[in-house]
Amino acid sequence: MKRLAILGSTGSIGTQALEVISGFPREFSVEALAANGNIDLLETQVRRFKPQMVCLFDDDKATAFETRDIPGVTVRAGLDGLNACCRLKDVDMVVIAVVGAIGLAPTLTAIENGKDIALANKETLVAGGSLVMPAVEAHGVSLIPMDSEHSAIFQCLDGQDSKAVEKMIITASGGAFRDRDKADLLKVRPEDALKHPNWTMGSKITIDSATLMNKALEVIEAHHLYAMPFDRIEAVIHPQSIIHSLVQFVDTSVIAQLGFPDMKLPIQYALSYPKRLPNPRLKPLNMADCEDLTFRPIDTDFYPCFQIGLDAGRIGGTAPAVMNAANEVAVLAFLNGYIRFPHIAGIVRSVVAAHTLKESPSLDDILEVDGWARKEARKQLTLT
């Protein structure tokens, strides 16, 4: 029985993780749930999975939740509450499914308390990979990627000699606008960008998929996860989202991981690893239905966020944290109708250019530049 804490339980990944868990009552128990503010959904989850601790990041929502009169549950709030979930003695693995850089501090707390990590939060490694991966090694825990691309690479590398890896190839769907003209992008609306052609995901990552910022974040993640130089990590557009990533070895052999595009598959693999569990709820891949598997290079003129993110990753230090924070603000501004879609890239570029680089940042440094970048991005919104 693997005992879990799920941070971000009411979001897209969190709800799908609980759906997976519900099918394997002998494999998993839920000891802690944390959410941002959806107290009605959280109450439903608590009554079903019966965790011993609940955290609501919003203090007022935490106070409101305590009035729901659910026996046997400790209610905590804020970042202290997230960290408390990560310190629970009865937790073996923490699922990091919160959105944004807020996932970094609880991830480090969980690692320092000997918990394995199932990581669905890209921003944790983007902003703090130089802190997280040394901590993983120092504390002897496992970090299992939960997103589809890095789950694919993880599976392709399983049992392989890491020294024999020539390069990693991350695939991208291309997002909602992959077949549109660049001139059309000034006219697109948030509801258009949220219509992902292949995947069902949360709003922030769906917008990142449309800008291809998500692929830059994944390249940075791969750099940290697998200690792979940037010049040996590639990204290509694969519109069908059947091949989730590939690894090429020094003998030119390429191993790929394929599957029907369903986030519950990499979620289940991360939770059950090293086991593989049969799940009749998952749709098997029928190769006869895969007549056309196509690939094309990424056009950085059409997807400027990809190059901006990649450049920040190569610079290193605090640049990725600044880039990530500015992107979070810009994406939210687009979702709320304050800016147009192409302005996301301009805001991120301006904030990264304005920041003063720290080459070997501490956690405090990362949190400081994250706050600065958010304020700077908000200033840029007034100029757009």
Protein backbone atom coordinates (compact mmCIF):
# COMPACT_ATOMS: atom_id res chain seq x y z
CA MET A 1 0.00 0.00 0.00
CA LYS A 2 1.50 3.31 -1.12
CA ARG A 3 0.38 6.23 1.05
CA LEU A 4 -0.10 9.51 -0.85
CA ALA A 5 -0.39 13.24 -0.32
CA ILE A 6 -1.84 15.06 -3.31
CA LEU A 7 -1.11 18.77 -3.61
CA GLY A 8 -3.49 20.29 -6.14
CA SER A 9 -6.21 17.68 -5.71
CA THR A 10 -9.02 19.76 -7.27
CA GLY A 11 -7.09 20.64 -10.43
CA SER A 12 -6.95 18.70 -13.69
CA ILE A 13 -4.04 16.43 -12.71
CA GLY A 14 -5.21 16.03 -9.12
CA THR A 15 -8.73 14.94 -10.07
CA GLN A 16 -7.38 12.49 -12.65
CA ALA A 17 -4.91 11.11 -10.10
CA LEU A 18 -7.78 10.45 -7.69
CA GLU A 19 -9.72 8.80 -10.49
CA VAL A 20 -6.78 6.45 -11.05
CA ILE A 21 -6.38 5.82 -7.32
CA SER A 22 -10.07 4.95 -6.95
CA GLY A 23 -9.55 1.94 -9.21
CA PHE A 24 -6.82 0.47 -7.01
CA PRO A 25 -7.97 0.54 -3.37
CA ARG A 26 -5.43 -2.14 -2.40
CA GLU A 27 -2.53 -0.25 -3.97
CA PHE A 28 -3.02 3.30 -2.69
CA SER A 29 -4.34 5.25 0.27
CA VAL A 30 -4.79 9.03 0.43
CA GLU A 31 -3.40 10.62 3.59
CA ALA A 32 -3.49 14.30 2.64
CA LEU A 33 -5.22 16.53 0.10
CA ALA A 34 -4.41 20.16 -0.70
CA ALA A 35 -6.31 22.57 -2.91
CA ASN A 36 -6.40 26.25 -3.71
CA GLY A 37 -9.99 27.13 -2.94
CA ASN A 38 -12.60 24.77 -4.41
CA ILE A 39 -14.05 23.71 -1.07
CA ASP A 40 -17.10 21.92 -2.49
CA LEU A 41 -15.05 19.58 -4.66
CA LEU A 42 -12.49 19.16 -1.90
CA GLU A 43 -15.21 18.15 0.54
CA THR A 44 -16.42 15.50 -1.91
CA GLN A 45 -12.87 14.18 -2.22
CA VAL A 46 -12.32 14.17 1.55
CA ARG A 47 -15.53 12.27 2.25
CA ARG A 48 -14.62 9.69 -0.37
CA PHE A 49 -10.90 9.16 0.30
CA LYS A 50 -10.83 10.03 4.02
CA PRO A 51 -7.40 11.73 4.35
CA GLN A 52 -6.10 12.67 7.78
CA MET A 53 -5.08 16.19 6.69
CA VAL A 54 -6.47 18.81 4.34
CA CYS A 55 -4.89 22.09 3.25
CA LEU A 56 -6.53 25.03 1.53
CA PHE A 57 -4.05 27.59 0.29
CA ASP A 58 -6.57 30.39 0.79
CA ASP A 59 -6.87 31.18 4.52
CA ASP A 60 -10.52 32.24 4.33
CA LYS A 61 -11.45 29.07 2.44
CA ALA A 62 -9.64 26.99 5.07
CA THR A 63 -11.68 28.66 7.79
CA ALA A 64 -14.86 28.04 5.80
CA PHE A 65 -13.92 24.40 5.27
CA GLU A 66 -13.58 23.82 9.00
CA THR A 67 -17.29 24.61 9.37
CA ARG A 68 -18.16 21.65 7.11
CA ASP A 69 -17.89 19.41 10.19
CA ILE A 70 -15.93 16.50 8.71
CA PRO A 71 -14.65 14.36 11.59
CA GLY A 72 -11.10 13.08 11.78
CA VAL A 73 -9.57 15.66 9.43
CA THR A 74 -6.99 18.27 10.37
CA VAL A 75 -7.40 21.47 8.33
CA ARG A 76 -4.36 23.60 7.54
CA ALA A 77 -3.84 26.70 5.40
CA GLY A 78 -1.29 28.42 3.17
CA LEU A 79 2.27 27.40 2.45
CA ASP A 80 2.66 26.14 6.01
CA GLY A 81 -0.26 23.81 5.34
CA LEU A 82 1.29 22.49 2.13
CA ASN A 83 4.53 21.82 3.98
CA ALA A 84 2.62 20.11 6.80
CA CYS A 85 1.08 17.69 4.29
CA CYS A 86 4.58 16.92 3.04
CA ARG A 87 5.85 16.17 6.54
CA LEU A 88 3.16 13.67 7.50
CA LYS A 89 4.77 10.52 8.90
CA ASP A 90 2.20 8.28 7.16
CA VAL A 91 2.97 9.62 3.66
CA ASP A 92 5.30 7.71 1.30
CA MET A 93 4.87 9.80 -1.87
CA VAL A 94 3.81 13.38 -2.51
CA VAL A 95 2.07 14.24 -5.78
CA ILE A 96 3.03 17.78 -6.80
CA ALA A 97 0.11 18.82 -9.00
CA VAL A 98 -0.22 22.48 -8.01
CA VAL A 99 0.14 25.09 -10.74
CA GLY A 100 3.14 27.41 -10.86
CA ALA A 101 6.27 28.07 -8.85
CA ILE A 102 4.35 27.61 -5.59
CA GLY A 103 5.22 23.91 -5.96
CA LEU A 104 8.94 24.42 -5.33
CA ALA A 105 8.99 24.91 -1.55
CA PRO A 106 6.72 21.94 -0.68
CA THR A 107 8.65 19.74 -3.08
CA LEU A 108 11.86 20.50 -1.20
CA THR A 109 10.06 19.95 2.12
CA ALA A 110 8.82 16.55 0.98
CA ILE A 111 12.27 15.52 -0.24
CA GLU A 112 13.92 16.64 2.99
CA ASN A 113 11.39 14.51 4.89
CA GLY A 114 12.23 11.40 2.88
CA LYS A 115 9.15 11.35 0.63
CA ASP A 116 9.23 10.17 -2.97
CA ILE A 117 7.91 12.71 -5.47
CA ALA A 118 5.46 12.26 -8.34
CA LEU A 119 5.99 15.52 -10.21
CA ALA A 120 3.36 17.02 -12.48
CA ASN A 121 4.44 20.62 -11.88
CA LYS A 122 6.85 21.79 -14.58
CA GLU A 123 7.69 25.04 -12.84
CA THR A 124 9.29 23.33 -9.84
CA LEU A 125 12.27 22.10 -11.87
CA VAL A 126 12.28 25.10 -14.20
CA ALA A 127 12.66 27.56 -11.33
CA GLY A 128 14.55 25.37 -8.87
CA GLY A 129 15.99 22.33 -10.61
CA SER A 130 19.48 23.23 -9.37
CA LEU A 131 18.13 22.84 -5.81
CA VAL A 132 15.70 19.96 -6.27
CA MET A 133 17.88 17.37 -8.01
CA PRO A 134 20.82 17.62 -5.54
CA ALA A 135 18.27 17.30 -2.71
CA VAL A 136 16.81 14.16 -4.33
CA GLU A 137 20.27 12.60 -4.43
CA ALA A 138 21.22 13.73 -0.93
CA HIS A 139 18.08 12.29 0.68
CA GLY A 140 17.95 9.10 -1.38
CA VAL A 141 14.37 9.57 -2.61
CA SER A 142 12.84 9.00 -6.04
CA LEU A 143 11.43 11.70 -8.30
CA ILE A 144 9.09 10.22 -10.91
CA PRO A 145 7.86 12.57 -13.66
CA MET A 146 4.10 12.55 -14.12
CA ASP A 147 3.70 14.53 -17.34
CA SER A 148 3.47 12.53 -20.55
CA GLU A 149 6.72 13.63 -22.20
CA HIS A 150 9.00 13.01 -19.25
CA SER A 151 7.18 9.84 -18.32
CA ALA A 152 7.97 8.70 -21.86
CA ILE A 153 11.68 9.52 -21.53
CA PHE A 154 11.76 7.91 -18.08
CA GLN A 155 10.31 4.71 -19.55
CA CYS A 156 12.66 4.76 -22.55
CA LEU A 157 15.65 5.05 -20.21
CA ASP A 158 14.51 2.30 -17.84
CA GLY A 159 17.25 -0.35 -17.76
CA GLN A 160 19.47 1.56 -20.19
CA ASP A 161 23.03 2.80 -19.71
CA SER A 162 22.72 6.58 -19.35
CA LYS A 163 26.18 6.97 -20.88
CA ALA A 164 24.86 5.47 -24.10
CA VAL A 165 22.27 8.23 -24.62
CA GLU A 166 23.00 10.44 -27.61
CA LYS A 167 20.01 12.77 -27.35
CA MET A 168 16.43 13.13 -26.14
CA ILE A 169 13.58 14.14 -28.43
CA ILE A 170 10.49 15.69 -26.85
CA THR A 171 7.32 15.82 -28.91
CA ALA A 172 4.82 18.68 -28.98
CA SER A 173 1.25 18.67 -30.25
CA GLY A 174 1.61 22.25 -31.48
CA GLY A 175 -1.40 23.41 -29.48
CA ALA A 176 -4.70 24.90 -30.52
CA PHE A 177 -3.31 27.20 -33.23
CA ARG A 178 -0.79 24.94 -34.93
CA ASP A 179 -2.61 25.17 -38.28
CA ARG A 180 -3.47 28.88 -38.12
CA ASP A 181 -1.70 31.78 -39.82
CA LYS A 182 0.44 34.00 -37.62
CA ALA A 183 -1.67 37.01 -38.61
CA ASP A 184 -4.71 35.33 -37.05
CA LEU A 185 -3.17 35.15 -33.60
CA LEU A 186 -4.04 38.75 -32.71
CA LYS A 187 -7.70 37.82 -33.07
CA VAL A 188 -7.84 34.58 -31.10
CA ARG A 189 -9.72 34.47 -27.79
CA PRO A 190 -8.96 32.56 -24.60
CA GLU A 191 -11.76 30.10 -25.33
CA ASP A 192 -10.12 29.37 -28.69
CA ALA A 193 -6.74 28.69 -27.06
CA LEU A 194 -8.33 26.35 -24.51
CA LYS A 195 -9.64 24.02 -27.22
CA HIS A 196 -6.64 21.69 -27.25
CA PRO A 197 -6.84 19.27 -30.18
CA ASN A 198 -5.55 16.23 -28.26
CA TRP A 199 -5.31 16.62 -24.49
CA THR A 200 -7.60 17.51 -21.59
CA MET A 201 -5.51 19.70 -19.27
CA GLY A 202 -5.76 22.71 -16.98
CA SER A 203 -6.11 26.18 -18.45
CA LYS A 204 -2.56 27.40 -17.75
CA ILE A 205 -0.79 24.45 -19.36
CA THR A 206 -3.25 24.50 -22.27
CA ILE A 207 -2.26 28.10 -23.03
CA ASP A 208 1.40 27.14 -22.62
CA SER A 209 0.78 24.42 -25.19
CA ALA A 210 -0.63 26.99 -27.60
CA THR A 211 2.43 29.25 -27.19
CA LEU A 212 4.75 26.22 -26.98
CA MET A 213 6.19 27.65 -23.77
CA ASN A 214 5.35 24.26 -22.27
CA LYS A 215 7.92 22.66 -24.54
CA ALA A 216 10.64 25.09 -23.46
CA LEU A 217 9.77 24.28 -19.85
CA GLU A 218 10.03 20.57 -20.63
CA VAL A 219 13.45 20.98 -22.22
CA ILE A 220 14.64 22.74 -19.06
CA GLU A 221 13.07 19.96 -16.97
CA ALA A 222 14.86 17.29 -19.00
CA HIS A 223 18.14 19.13 -18.53
CA HIS A 224 17.74 18.83 -14.76
CA LEU A 225 16.01 15.45 -14.54
CA TYR A 226 18.52 13.59 -16.68
CA ALA A 227 21.61 15.81 -16.37
CA MET A 228 21.48 16.25 -20.13
CA PRO A 229 23.13 19.21 -21.91
CA PHE A 230 20.73 21.52 -23.72
CA ASP A 231 22.33 20.85 -27.08
CA ARG A 232 21.36 17.17 -26.74
CA ILE A 233 17.67 17.82 -26.11
CA GLU A 234 15.43 18.43 -29.10
CA ALA A 235 11.74 19.23 -29.49
CA VAL A 236 9.59 18.54 -32.56
CA ILE A 237 5.93 18.98 -33.38
CA HIS A 238 4.03 15.70 -33.61
CA PRO A 239 0.38 16.65 -34.17
CA GLN A 240 -1.07 13.21 -33.39
CA SER A 241 0.36 13.03 -29.82
CA ILE A 242 0.82 9.26 -30.10
CA ILE A 243 4.59 9.21 -29.63
CA HIS A 244 5.18 11.05 -26.37
CA SER A 245 8.97 11.29 -26.54
CA LEU A 246 11.99 9.42 -27.85
CA VAL A 247 15.57 8.66 -26.82
CA GLN A 248 18.35 8.17 -29.37
CA PHE A 249 21.40 6.15 -28.35
CA VAL A 250 24.99 6.31 -29.52
CA ASP A 251 24.48 3.35 -31.87
CA THR A 252 21.71 5.43 -33.63
CA SER A 253 18.94 3.20 -32.24
CA VAL A 254 15.86 5.15 -31.12
CA ILE A 255 13.44 4.01 -28.43
CA ALA A 256 10.02 5.69 -28.26
CA GLN A 257 7.07 5.45 -25.89
CA LEU A 258 3.64 5.42 -27.52
CA GLY A 259 0.14 5.58 -26.12
CA PHE A 260 -3.31 7.02 -26.61
CA PRO A 261 -3.23 10.68 -25.44
CA ASP A 262 -4.66 10.35 -21.94
CA MET A 263 -2.99 11.95 -18.92
CA LYS A 264 -4.19 9.14 -16.67
CA LEU A 265 -1.60 6.82 -18.22
CA PRO A 266 1.54 8.75 -17.11
CA ILE A 267 -0.22 9.59 -13.83
CA GLN A 268 -0.82 5.91 -13.10
CA TYR A 269 2.73 4.95 -14.10
CA ALA A 270 4.23 7.53 -11.74
CA LEU A 271 2.03 6.39 -8.86
CA SER A 272 2.55 2.67 -9.38
CA TYR A 273 6.21 2.62 -10.43
CA PRO A 274 7.96 0.19 -10.63
CA LYS A 275 4.72 -1.78 -11.08
CA ARG A 276 2.56 -1.65 -14.18
CA LEU A 277 -1.11 -2.05 -13.28
CA PRO A 278 -3.88 -3.16 -15.67
CA ASN A 279 -6.53 -0.49 -16.00
CA PRO A 280 -9.62 -1.21 -18.12
CA ARG A 281 -10.52 2.50 -17.97
CA LEU A 282 -7.57 3.36 -20.19
CA LYS A 283 -8.02 3.12 -23.95
CA PRO A 284 -5.44 0.82 -25.56
CA LEU A 285 -3.56 2.03 -28.62
CA ASN A 286 -4.59 0.40 -31.88
CA MET A 287 -1.70 0.78 -34.31
CA ALA A 288 -4.02 0.13 -37.26
CA ASP A 289 -5.66 3.46 -36.41
CA CYS A 290 -2.30 5.25 -36.55
CA GLU A 291 -1.88 5.48 -40.30
CA ASP A 292 -0.24 8.91 -40.21
CA LEU A 293 2.40 9.79 -37.62
CA THR A 294 3.99 13.03 -38.74
CA PHE A 295 6.67 15.38 -37.42
CA ARG A 296 7.81 18.88 -38.24
CA PRO A 297 10.33 21.33 -36.79
CA ILE A 298 9.29 24.11 -34.45
CA ASP A 299 8.97 27.49 -36.17
CA THR A 300 10.24 29.92 -33.54
CA ASP A 301 8.81 32.85 -35.48
CA PHE A 302 5.34 31.36 -34.99
CA TYR A 303 6.18 30.15 -31.47
CA PRO A 304 8.44 32.88 -30.00
CA CYS A 305 7.80 31.72 -26.42
CA PHE A 306 9.63 28.48 -27.16
CA GLN A 307 12.84 30.33 -28.01
CA ILE A 308 12.45 32.80 -25.12
CA GLY A 309 12.07 29.93 -22.66
CA LEU A 310 14.91 27.94 -24.16
CA ASP A 311 17.24 30.94 -24.02
CA ALA A 312 16.40 31.48 -20.35
CA GLY A 313 17.16 27.85 -19.63
CA ARG A 314 20.54 28.08 -21.31
CA ILE A 315 21.39 31.23 -19.33
CA GLY A 316 20.51 29.41 -16.13
CA GLY A 317 20.73 30.90 -12.66
CA THR A 318 17.63 32.95 -11.88
CA ALA A 319 16.70 33.49 -15.55
CA PRO A 320 14.35 30.46 -15.78
CA ALA A 321 12.54 31.46 -12.57
CA VAL A 322 12.04 35.00 -13.90
CA MET A 323 10.88 33.71 -17.27
CA ASN A 324 8.46 31.30 -15.62
CA ALA A 325 6.96 33.91 -13.26
CA ALA A 326 6.50 36.44 -16.07
CA ASN A 327 4.84 33.78 -18.19
CA GLU A 328 2.41 32.87 -15.40
CA VAL A 329 1.33 36.51 -15.09
CA ALA A 330 1.04 36.99 -18.86
CA VAL A 331 -0.96 33.78 -19.36
CA LEU A 332 -3.40 34.77 -16.62
CA ALA A 333 -3.74 38.23 -18.16
CA PHE A 334 -4.60 36.66 -21.52
CA LEU A 335 -7.10 34.27 -19.91
CA ASN A 336 -8.77 37.24 -18.21
CA GLY A 337 -8.95 39.23 -21.44
CA TYR A 338 -6.43 41.95 -20.55
CA ILE A 339 -3.97 41.24 -23.37
CA ARG A 340 -3.97 39.55 -26.75
CA PHE A 341 -2.35 36.21 -27.37
CA PRO A 342 0.89 37.43 -29.07
CA HIS A 343 1.53 39.86 -26.20
CA ILE A 344 2.40 36.93 -23.89
CA ALA A 345 5.77 36.52 -25.58
CA GLY A 346 6.55 40.24 -25.53
CA ILE A 347 5.89 40.54 -21.81
CA VAL A 348 8.03 37.53 -20.93
CA ARG A 349 10.87 38.73 -23.16
CA SER A 350 10.85 42.21 -21.60
CA VAL A 351 10.87 40.93 -18.01
CA VAL A 352 13.72 38.49 -18.62
CA ALA A 353 15.74 41.23 -20.30
CA ALA A 354 15.19 43.60 -17.36
CA HIS A 355 16.25 41.29 -14.56
CA THR A 356 19.66 41.10 -12.88
CA LEU A 357 20.97 37.55 -13.08
CA LYS A 358 22.05 35.55 -10.03
CA GLU A 359 24.08 32.58 -11.24
CA SER A 360 23.85 30.19 -8.26
CA PRO A 361 20.60 31.10 -6.52
CA SER A 362 19.35 29.86 -3.15
CA LEU A 363 15.68 29.13 -2.49
CA ASP A 364 15.32 32.63 -1.05
CA ASP A 365 16.91 34.09 -4.19
CA ILE A 366 14.47 32.18 -6.41
CA LEU A 367 11.47 33.27 -4.37
CA GLU A 368 12.72 36.87 -4.41
CA VAL A 369 13.16 37.04 -8.19
CA ASP A 370 9.85 35.24 -8.66
CA GLY A 371 8.11 38.02 -6.75
CA TRP A 372 10.05 40.72 -8.60
CA ALA A 373 9.23 39.19 -11.99
CA ARG A 374 5.53 39.05 -11.22
CA LYS A 375 5.49 42.74 -10.27
CA GLU A 376 7.53 43.65 -13.37
CA ALA A 377 5.21 41.64 -15.61
CA ARG A 378 2.19 43.45 -14.17
CA LYS A 379 3.89 46.75 -14.99
CA GLN A 380 4.39 45.52 -18.55
CA LEU A 381 0.66 44.80 -18.81
CA THR A 382 -0.04 48.53 -18.49
CA LEU A 383 2.31 49.22 -21.40
CA THR A 384 0.86 46.60 -23.74
